[in-house]
C-alpha atoms as a PDB file:
ATOM      1  CA  MET A   1       1.644  14.752  60.287  1.00  0.00           C
ATOM      2  CA  LYS A   2       3.301  14.774  56.875  1.00  0.00           C
ATOM      3  CA  ILE A   3       6.564  16.498  56.092  1.00  0.00           C
ATOM      4  CA  SER A   4       7.315  18.537  53.011  1.00  0.00           C
ATOM      5  CA  PHE A   5      11.058  18.835  52.743  1.00  0.00           C
ATOM      6  CA  GLY A   6      10.872  21.740  50.353  1.00  0.00           C
ATOM      7  CA  ASN A   7      10.490  23.937  53.418  1.00  0.00           C
ATOM      8  CA  LEU A   8      13.769  25.274  54.819  1.00  0.00           C
ATOM      9  CA  GLU A   9      12.650  24.832  58.407  1.00  0.00           C
ATOM     10  CA  LEU A  10      12.073  21.165  57.772  1.00  0.00           C
ATOM     11  CA  LEU A  11      15.542  20.818  56.367  1.00  0.00           C
ATOM     12  CA  LYS A  12      16.751  22.249  59.647  1.00  0.00           C
ATOM     13  CA  LEU A  13      14.585  19.677  61.395  1.00  0.00           C
ATOM     14  CA  ALA A  14      16.615  16.831  59.965  1.00  0.00           C
ATOM     15  CA  PHE A  15      19.551  18.083  61.989  1.00  0.00           C
ATOM     16  CA  ALA A  16      17.530  17.368  65.115  1.00  0.00           C
ATOM     17  CA  LEU A  17      18.375  13.699  64.701  1.00  0.00           C
ATOM     18  CA  LEU A  18      22.060  14.286  65.412  1.00  0.00           C
ATOM     19  CA  PHE A  19      23.226  12.270  68.415  1.00  0.00           C
ATOM     20  CA  VAL A  20      25.915  14.286  70.212  1.00  0.00           C
ATOM     21  CA  SER A  21      27.213  13.650  73.729  1.00  0.00           C
ATOM     22  CA  GLY A  22      25.564  15.999  76.212  1.00  0.00           C
ATOM     23  CA  LEU A  23      27.822  18.754  77.487  1.00  0.00           C
ATOM     24  CA  ALA A  24      30.904  16.531  77.273  1.00  0.00           C
ATOM     25  CA  HIS A  25      32.513  19.322  75.261  1.00  0.00           C
ATOM     26  CA  ALA A  26      31.308  21.900  77.791  1.00  0.00           C
ATOM     27  CA  ASN A  27      33.426  20.555  80.685  1.00  0.00           C
ATOM     28  CA  ASP A  28      30.688  20.361  83.319  1.00  0.00           C
ATOM     29  CA  GLN A  29      29.023  23.717  82.848  1.00  0.00           C
ATOM     30  CA  SER A  30      25.540  25.002  83.444  1.00  0.00           C
ATOM     31  CA  VAL A  31      23.682  27.415  81.230  1.00  0.00           C
ATOM     32  CA  THR A  32      21.246  29.677  83.033  1.00  0.00           C
ATOM     33  CA  GLY A  33      18.963  32.059  81.170  1.00  0.00           C
ATOM     34  CA  ASP A  34      20.266  33.169  77.782  1.00  0.00           C
ATOM     35  CA  THR A  35      24.018  33.243  78.390  1.00  0.00           C
ATOM     36  CA  MET A  36      26.497  30.530  79.239  1.00  0.00           C
ATOM     37  CA  LYS A  37      28.525  30.576  82.434  1.00  0.00           C
ATOM     38  CA  PRO A  38      30.640  28.019  84.322  1.00  0.00           C
ATOM     39  CA  ALA A  39      28.810  25.866  86.827  1.00  0.00           C
ATOM     40  CA  LYS A  40      29.717  26.413  90.465  1.00  0.00           C
ATOM     41  CA  THR A  41      31.387  23.003  90.467  1.00  0.00           C
ATOM     42  CA  SER A  42      33.385  23.498  87.273  1.00  0.00           C
ATOM     43  CA  GLN A  43      37.162  23.674  87.284  1.00  0.00           C
ATOM     44  CA  ASN A  44      37.321  24.567  83.576  1.00  0.00           C
ATOM     45  CA  PRO A  45      36.658  27.801  81.684  1.00  0.00           C
ATOM     46  CA  PRO A  46      33.600  28.017  79.426  1.00  0.00           C
ATOM     47  CA  PRO A  47      33.988  27.700  75.645  1.00  0.00           C
ATOM     48  CA  ALA A  48      34.858  30.692  73.492  1.00  0.00           C
ATOM     49  CA  ASN A  49      32.197  33.282  72.618  1.00  0.00           C
ATOM     50  CA  THR A  50      30.138  32.534  75.715  1.00  0.00           C
ATOM     51  CA  SER A  51      28.913  36.117  75.841  1.00  0.00           C
ATOM     52  CA  LEU A  52      26.639  35.233  72.924  1.00  0.00           C
ATOM     53  CA  PRO A  53      23.298  33.548  73.640  1.00  0.00           C
ATOM     54  CA  ALA A  54      23.218  29.772  73.786  1.00  0.00           C
ATOM     55  CA  TYR A  55      21.097  28.458  70.931  1.00  0.00           C
ATOM     56  CA  VAL A  56      18.584  25.750  71.843  1.00  0.00           C
ATOM     57  CA  ARG A  57      16.164  23.668  69.790  1.00  0.00           C
ATOM     58  CA  TRP A  58      13.539  21.209  71.031  1.00  0.00           C
ATOM     59  CA  SER A  59      11.952  18.769  68.572  1.00  0.00           C
ATOM     60  CA  GLU A  60       9.252  16.123  68.711  1.00  0.00           C
ATOM     61  CA  LEU A  61       9.554  13.735  65.776  1.00  0.00           C
ATOM     62  CA  GLU A  62       7.987  10.638  64.312  1.00  0.00           C
ATOM     63  CA  VAL A  63      10.096   8.097  62.444  1.00  0.00           C
ATOM     64  CA  ASP A  64       8.656   5.482  60.108  1.00  0.00           C
ATOM     65  CA  PRO A  65       8.807   2.296  62.238  1.00  0.00           C
ATOM     66  CA  ALA A  66       9.956   0.344  59.191  1.00  0.00           C
ATOM     67  CA  HIS A  67      13.089   2.489  58.982  1.00  0.00           C
ATOM     68  CA  MET A  68      14.187   2.758  62.599  1.00  0.00           C
ATOM     69  CA  GLU A  69      17.288   0.598  62.053  1.00  0.00           C
ATOM     70  CA  ARG A  70      18.409   2.795  59.166  1.00  0.00           C
ATOM     71  CA  PHE A  71      17.648   5.904  61.225  1.00  0.00           C
ATOM     72  CA  TRP A  72      20.017   4.761  63.989  1.00  0.00           C
ATOM     73  CA  ALA A  73      22.780   3.803  61.569  1.00  0.00           C
ATOM     74  CA  ILE A  74      23.019   7.133  59.776  1.00  0.00           C
ATOM     75  CA  GLY A  75      22.658   9.037  63.013  1.00  0.00           C
ATOM     76  CA  LYS A  76      25.579   7.264  64.632  1.00  0.00           C
ATOM     77  CA  GLU A  77      27.774   8.008  61.626  1.00  0.00           C
ATOM     78  CA  ASN A  78      26.797  11.654  61.837  1.00  0.00           C
ATOM     79  CA  VAL A  79      27.643  11.893  65.515  1.00  0.00           C
ATOM     80  CA  ARG A  80      31.112  10.484  64.919  1.00  0.00           C
ATOM     81  CA  GLU A  81      31.808  13.174  62.357  1.00  0.00           C
ATOM     82  CA  THR A  82      30.264  15.884  64.493  1.00  0.00           C
ATOM     83  CA  ARG A  83      32.373  14.986  67.519  1.00  0.00           C
ATOM     84  CA  ARG A  84      35.480  15.260  65.368  1.00  0.00           C
ATOM     85  CA  ASN A  85      34.571  18.489  63.632  1.00  0.00           C
ATOM     86  CA  ASP A  86      31.950  20.573  65.487  1.00  0.00           C
ATOM     87  CA  PRO A  87      33.095  21.842  68.926  1.00  0.00           C
ATOM     88  CA  GLY A  88      30.241  24.379  68.942  1.00  0.00           C
ATOM     89  CA  VAL A  89      27.701  21.603  69.483  1.00  0.00           C
ATOM     90  CA  LEU A  90      27.468  21.374  73.271  1.00  0.00           C
ATOM     91  CA  ALA A  91      24.687  18.858  73.827  1.00  0.00           C
ATOM     92  CA  PHE A  92      22.427  16.733  71.714  1.00  0.00           C
ATOM     93  CA  TYR A  93      20.208  13.921  72.968  1.00  0.00           C
ATOM     94  CA  PHE A  94      17.140  12.110  71.849  1.00  0.00           C
ATOM     95  CA  ALA A  95      14.992   9.333  73.276  1.00  0.00           C
ATOM     96  CA  GLY A  96      11.897   7.437  72.189  1.00  0.00           C
ATOM     97  CA  GLU A  97       8.677   7.173  74.157  1.00  0.00           C
ATOM     98  CA  LYS A  98       8.181   3.937  76.051  1.00  0.00           C
ATOM     99  CA  ASP A  99       4.850   3.048  74.418  1.00  0.00           C
ATOM    100  CA  HIS A 100       5.696   4.575  71.021  1.00  0.00           C
ATOM    101  CA  PRO A 101       9.468   4.239  70.462  1.00  0.00           C
ATOM    102  CA  ASN A 102       9.252   5.851  67.030  1.00  0.00           C
ATOM    103  CA  ARG A 103       8.082   9.077  68.686  1.00  0.00           C
ATOM    104  CA  ILE A 104      11.298  10.917  69.423  1.00  0.00           C
ATOM    105  CA  ARG A 105      12.023  13.926  71.629  1.00  0.00           C
ATOM    106  CA  VAL A 106      15.210  15.815  70.754  1.00  0.00           C
ATOM    107  CA  LEU A 107      17.215  18.430  72.640  1.00  0.00           C
ATOM    108  CA  GLU A 108      19.906  20.448  70.828  1.00  0.00           C
ATOM    109  CA  VAL A 109      22.262  22.919  72.515  1.00  0.00           C
ATOM    110  CA  TYR A 110      24.832  25.038  70.663  1.00  0.00           C
ATOM    111  CA  ALA A 111      27.367  27.500  72.044  1.00  0.00           C
ATOM    112  CA  ASN A 112      25.589  30.195  70.039  1.00  0.00           C
ATOM    113  CA  GLU A 113      23.697  30.678  66.797  1.00  0.00           C
ATOM    114  CA  ASN A 114      26.930  30.920  64.820  1.00  0.00           C
ATOM    115  CA  ALA A 115      27.835  27.405  65.950  1.00  0.00           C
ATOM    116  CA  TYR A 116      24.435  26.213  64.760  1.00  0.00           C
ATOM    117  CA  LYS A 117      24.949  27.812  61.351  1.00  0.00           C
ATOM    118  CA  ALA A 118      28.446  26.355  61.064  1.00  0.00           C
ATOM    119  CA  HIS A 119      27.167  22.865  61.608  1.00  0.00           C
ATOM    120  CA  MET A 120      24.327  23.386  59.159  1.00  0.00           C
ATOM    121  CA  ALA A 121      26.952  24.170  56.510  1.00  0.00           C
ATOM    122  CA  SER A 122      29.058  21.065  57.212  1.00  0.00           C
ATOM    123  CA  ALA A 123      29.343  18.231  54.695  1.00  0.00           C
ATOM    124  CA  HIS A 124      28.459  15.539  57.225  1.00  0.00           C
ATOM    125  CA  TYR A 125      25.269  17.341  58.241  1.00  0.00           C
ATOM    126  CA  LYS A 126      24.211  17.750  54.611  1.00  0.00           C
ATOM    127  CA  GLN A 127      24.786  14.046  53.974  1.00  0.00           C
ATOM    128  CA  PHE A 128      22.751  13.157  57.033  1.00  0.00           C
ATOM    129  CA  ARG A 129      19.987  15.558  56.001  1.00  0.00           C
ATOM    130  CA  ASP A 130      19.669  13.957  52.591  1.00  0.00           C
ATOM    131  CA  ASP A 131      19.730  10.404  53.939  1.00  0.00           C
ATOM    132  CA  SER A 132      17.213  11.066  56.708  1.00  0.00           C
ATOM    133  CA  ARG A 133      14.509  12.738  54.630  1.00  0.00           C
ATOM    134  CA  PRO A 134      12.635   9.558  53.680  1.00  0.00           C
ATOM    135  CA  LEU A 135      12.644   8.241  57.256  1.00  0.00           C
ATOM    136  CA  LEU A 136      10.496  10.932  58.921  1.00  0.00           C
ATOM    137  CA  THR A 137       6.714  10.970  58.938  1.00  0.00           C
ATOM    138  CA  GLY A 138       5.973  13.797  61.362  1.00  0.00           C
ATOM    139  CA  HIS A 139       7.467  16.607  63.400  1.00  0.00           C
ATOM    140  CA  ALA A 140       7.079  19.548  65.703  1.00  0.00           C
ATOM    141  CA  LEU A 141      10.064  21.904  65.984  1.00  0.00           C
ATOM    142  CA  PHE A 142      10.454  24.608  68.635  1.00  0.00           C
ATOM    143  CA  GLU A 143      13.029  27.306  69.190  1.00  0.00           C
ATOM    144  CA  ALA A 144      13.799  27.402  72.902  1.00  0.00           C
ATOM    145  CA  VAL A 145      15.886  29.303  75.423  1.00  0.00           C
ATOM    146  CA  PRO A 146      17.711  27.783  78.393  1.00  0.00           C
ATOM    147  CA  VAL A 147      16.361  28.084  81.902  1.00  0.00           C
ATOM    148  CA  ILE A 148      19.195  25.952  83.267  1.00  0.00           C
ATOM    149  CA  LEU A 149      21.168  23.208  81.546  1.00  0.00           C
ATOM    150  CA  GLY A 150      22.968  21.143  84.137  1.00  0.00           C
ATOM    151  CA  ALA A 151      25.204  18.170  83.358  1.00  0.00           C
ATOM    152  CA  LYS A 152      28.185  16.211  84.578  1.00  0.00           C
ATOM    153  CA  PRO A 153      31.228  16.135  82.258  1.00  0.00           C
ATOM    154  CA  GLN A 154      31.192  12.384  81.664  1.00  0.00           C
ATOM    155  CA  LEU A 155      28.838  10.509  79.364  1.00  0.00           C
ATOM    156  CA  PRO A 156      25.939   8.531  80.859  1.00  0.00           C
ATOM    157  CA  PRO A 157      26.428   4.743  81.165  1.00  0.00           C
ATOM    158  CA  PRO A 158      24.623   2.213  78.925  1.00  0.00           C
ATOM    159  CA  THR A 159      22.127   1.671  81.765  1.00  0.00           C
ATOM    160  CA  ALA A 160      20.997   5.311  81.616  1.00  0.00           C
ATOM    161  CA  VAL A 161      17.298   6.111  81.787  1.00  0.00           C
ATOM    162  CA  VAL A 162      15.568   9.262  80.591  1.00  0.00           C
ATOM    163  CA  ARG A 163      12.557  11.124  81.897  1.00  0.00           C
ATOM    164  CA  MET A 164      11.022  14.034  80.006  1.00  0.00           C
ATOM    165  CA  ALA A 165       8.297  16.500  80.861  1.00  0.00           C
ATOM    166  CA  LYS A 166       6.197  19.331  79.481  1.00  0.00           C
ATOM    167  CA  ILE A 167       5.204  21.822  82.167  1.00  0.00           C
ATOM    168  CA  GLU A 168       3.123  24.986  81.955  1.00  0.00           C
ATOM    169  CA  ILE A 169       3.721  27.570  84.680  1.00  0.00           C
ATOM    170  CA  ASP A 170       1.385  30.286  85.941  1.00  0.00           C
ATOM    171  CA  PRO A 171       2.857  33.364  84.178  1.00  0.00           C
ATOM    172  CA  ALA A 172       2.451  35.482  87.301  1.00  0.00           C
ATOM    173  CA  GLN A 173       4.745  33.115  89.216  1.00  0.00           C
ATOM    174  CA  LEU A 174       7.233  32.348  86.442  1.00  0.00           C
ATOM    175  CA  ASP A 175      10.196  34.269  87.848  1.00  0.00           C
ATOM    176  CA  THR A 176       9.880  32.574  91.235  1.00  0.00           C
ATOM    177  CA  TYR A 177       9.506  29.188  89.588  1.00  0.00           C
ATOM    178  CA  ARG A 178      12.656  29.701  87.529  1.00  0.00           C
ATOM    179  CA  GLU A 179      14.629  30.517  90.682  1.00  0.00           C
ATOM    180  CA  LEU A 180      13.367  27.402  92.463  1.00  0.00           C
ATOM    181  CA  VAL A 181      13.962  25.007  89.574  1.00  0.00           C
ATOM    182  CA  THR A 182      17.446  26.427  89.034  1.00  0.00           C
ATOM    183  CA  GLU A 183      18.281  25.828  92.686  1.00  0.00           C
ATOM    184  CA  GLU A 184      16.931  22.273  92.503  1.00  0.00           C
ATOM    185  CA  ILE A 185      18.819  21.318  89.325  1.00  0.00           C
ATOM    186  CA  GLU A 186      22.116  22.744  90.556  1.00  0.00           C
ATOM    187  CA  ALA A 187      21.751  20.734  93.784  1.00  0.00           C
ATOM    188  CA  SER A 188      20.866  17.556  91.890  1.00  0.00           C
ATOM    189  CA  ILE A 189      23.937  17.743  89.645  1.00  0.00           C
ATOM    190  CA  ARG A 190      26.222  18.633  92.549  1.00  0.00           C
ATOM    191  CA  LEU A 191      24.939  16.197  95.180  1.00  0.00           C
ATOM    192  CA  GLU A 192      23.633  13.146  93.325  1.00  0.00           C
ATOM    193  CA  PRO A 193      26.170  10.867  91.603  1.00  0.00           C
ATOM    194  CA  GLY A 194      23.393   9.185  89.603  1.00  0.00           C
ATOM    195  CA  VAL A 195      22.056  12.391  88.057  1.00  0.00           C
ATOM    196  CA  PHE A 196      23.957  12.938  84.801  1.00  0.00           C
ATOM    197  CA  ALA A 197      21.925  15.767  83.302  1.00  0.00           C
ATOM    198  CA  ILE A 198      18.804  17.834  83.840  1.00  0.00           C
ATOM    199  CA  TYR A 199      18.080  20.281  81.046  1.00  0.00           C
ATOM    200  CA  ALA A 200      15.275  22.798  81.515  1.00  0.00           C
ATOM    201  CA  VAL A 201      14.347  24.997  78.561  1.00  0.00           C
ATOM    202  CA  ALA A 202      11.470  27.340  77.788  1.00  0.00           C
ATOM    203  CA  LEU A 203       9.754  27.775  74.438  1.00  0.00           C
ATOM    204  CA  LYS A 204      10.884  31.086  73.028  1.00  0.00           C
ATOM    205  CA  ASP A 205       7.401  32.254  72.051  1.00  0.00           C
ATOM    206  CA  HIS A 206       5.764  30.850  75.199  1.00  0.00           C
ATOM    207  CA  PRO A 207       8.223  31.347  78.076  1.00  0.00           C
ATOM    208  CA  ASN A 208       5.885  29.808  80.657  1.00  0.00           C
ATOM    209  CA  GLN A 209       5.924  26.506  78.736  1.00  0.00           C
ATOM    210  CA  LEU A 210       8.947  24.477  79.821  1.00  0.00           C
ATOM    211  CA  ARG A 211      10.496  21.267  78.559  1.00  0.00           C
ATOM    212  CA  PHE A 212      12.698  18.975  80.646  1.00  0.00           C
ATOM    213  CA  PHE A 213      15.142  16.297  79.481  1.00  0.00           C
ATOM    214  CA  GLU A 214      16.595  14.363  82.419  1.00  0.00           C
ATOM    215  CA  ILE A 215      19.252  11.613  82.345  1.00  0.00           C
ATOM    216  CA  TYR A 216      19.923   9.249  85.251  1.00  0.00           C
ATOM    217  CA  ALA A 217      22.497   6.468  85.632  1.00  0.00           C
ATOM    218  CA  ASP A 218      19.747   3.874  86.024  1.00  0.00           C
ATOM    219  CA  GLU A 219      16.253   3.430  87.438  1.00  0.00           C
ATOM    220  CA  SER A 220      17.466   3.327  91.030  1.00  0.00           C
ATOM    221  CA  ALA A 221      19.236   6.676  90.570  1.00  0.00           C
ATOM    222  CA  TYR A 222      15.987   8.163  89.298  1.00  0.00           C
ATOM    223  CA  LEU A 223      14.060   6.839  92.315  1.00  0.00           C
ATOM    224  CA  HIS A 224      16.760   8.170  94.640  1.00  0.00           C
ATOM    225  CA  HIS A 225      16.420  11.586  93.019  1.00  0.00           C
ATOM    226  CA  ARG A 226      12.659  11.577  93.541  1.00  0.00           C
ATOM    227  CA  ASN A 227      13.226  11.127  97.280  1.00  0.00           C
ATOM    228  CA  ALA A 228      16.071  13.639  97.633  1.00  0.00           C
ATOM    229  CA  LEU A 229      15.416  16.495 100.061  1.00  0.00           C
ATOM    230  CA  HIS A 230      16.141  19.201  97.481  1.00  0.00           C
ATOM    231  CA  PHE A 231      13.684  17.636  95.016  1.00  0.00           C
ATOM    232  CA  GLN A 232      10.975  17.277  97.655  1.00  0.00           C
ATOM    233  CA  LYS A 233      11.504  20.936  98.576  1.00  0.00           C
ATOM    234  CA  TYR A 234      11.109  21.884  94.919  1.00  0.00           C
ATOM    235  CA  LEU A 235       7.873  19.868  94.649  1.00  0.00           C
ATOM    236  CA  ASN A 236       6.362  21.426  97.732  1.00  0.00           C
ATOM    237  CA  GLU A 237       7.273  25.002  96.847  1.00  0.00           C
ATOM    238  CA  THR A 238       6.203  24.857  93.179  1.00  0.00           C
ATOM    239  CA  LYS A 239       3.043  22.726  93.333  1.00  0.00           C
ATOM    240  CA  ASP A 240       0.743  25.764  93.150  1.00  0.00           C
ATOM    241  CA  MET A 241       2.740  27.336  90.305  1.00  0.00           C
ATOM    242  CA  ILE A 242       2.289  24.480  87.822  1.00  0.00           C
ATOM    243  CA  VAL A 243      -0.835  24.713  85.654  1.00  0.00           C
ATOM    244  CA  THR A 244      -0.323  21.506  83.641  1.00  0.00           C
ATOM    245  CA  ARG A 245       2.245  18.706  83.745  1.00  0.00           C
ATOM    246  CA  ASP A 246       2.846  15.967  81.144  1.00  0.00           C
ATOM    247  CA  LEU A 247       5.460  13.396  82.161  1.00  0.00           C
ATOM    248  CA  VAL A 248       6.967  11.101  79.519  1.00  0.00           C
ATOM    249  CA  GLU A 249       8.598   7.777  80.283  1.00  0.00           C
ATOM    250  CA  THR A 250      11.094   6.517  77.714  1.00  0.00           C
ATOM    251  CA  SER A 251      12.087   3.122  76.412  1.00  0.00           C
ATOM    252  CA  PRO A 252      15.060   1.492  78.148  1.00  0.00           C
ATOM    253  CA  GLY A 253      18.146   1.890  75.991  1.00  0.00           C
ATOM    254  CA  SER A 254      16.506   4.451  73.701  1.00  0.00           C
ATOM    255  CA  LEU A 255      18.823   7.300  74.686  1.00  0.00           C
ATOM    256  CA  ALA A 256      21.148   8.314  71.845  1.00  0.00           C
ATOM    257  CA  TYR A 257      24.222  10.494  72.363  1.00  0.00           C
END
């Protein structure tokens, strides 16, 4: 895939390389459906303007392997500036595939579309956009809506591991599936110390196609989660609802935030 950066959407794509801490600004909140609300475990109010829809983007990128070091350097500079200046950015993570570390999956979450537009107009984003153009060789960019975005307030540790998934649900059973996965994610965040975040989003134009971005303290926390009673219940009750499942393992240490 080749990128032509004359296209406005591809200029927006460059922003998908921003590395912002996931939901640290959101004070341990979950986003369910299209509007933001405090998680059941939160002791803090949600950010301002939470009646507006949360704005979510999911990207799948390819970076020129020869420029990965440069890619990381400019991204880290951008995140420092964004943390200082852009409170409307609620979560932003990316991770590389284990077998192809230059293939990057990116999750972006904004308080609302206005927060997205405000960041797009910032000087630090524009600098990052210009610097990152030569580093990308391919992309797929999707507008998404939240199913449930669950996260603890603290950042993941350096040992964190990521698991990602693409799942297609039988459209006739989608509502039931959404209820079950919401229940499972809320329980995981509440009950498991090693589960730092599980983000479930649906592609806006294909609501039965879901994407998951999951962050665990380490490999043992991930294995513990797989054996948890609430996760086993979810597996058993949704197995006949899932049409296709593509699980992605990531490179150790490839999580950026």
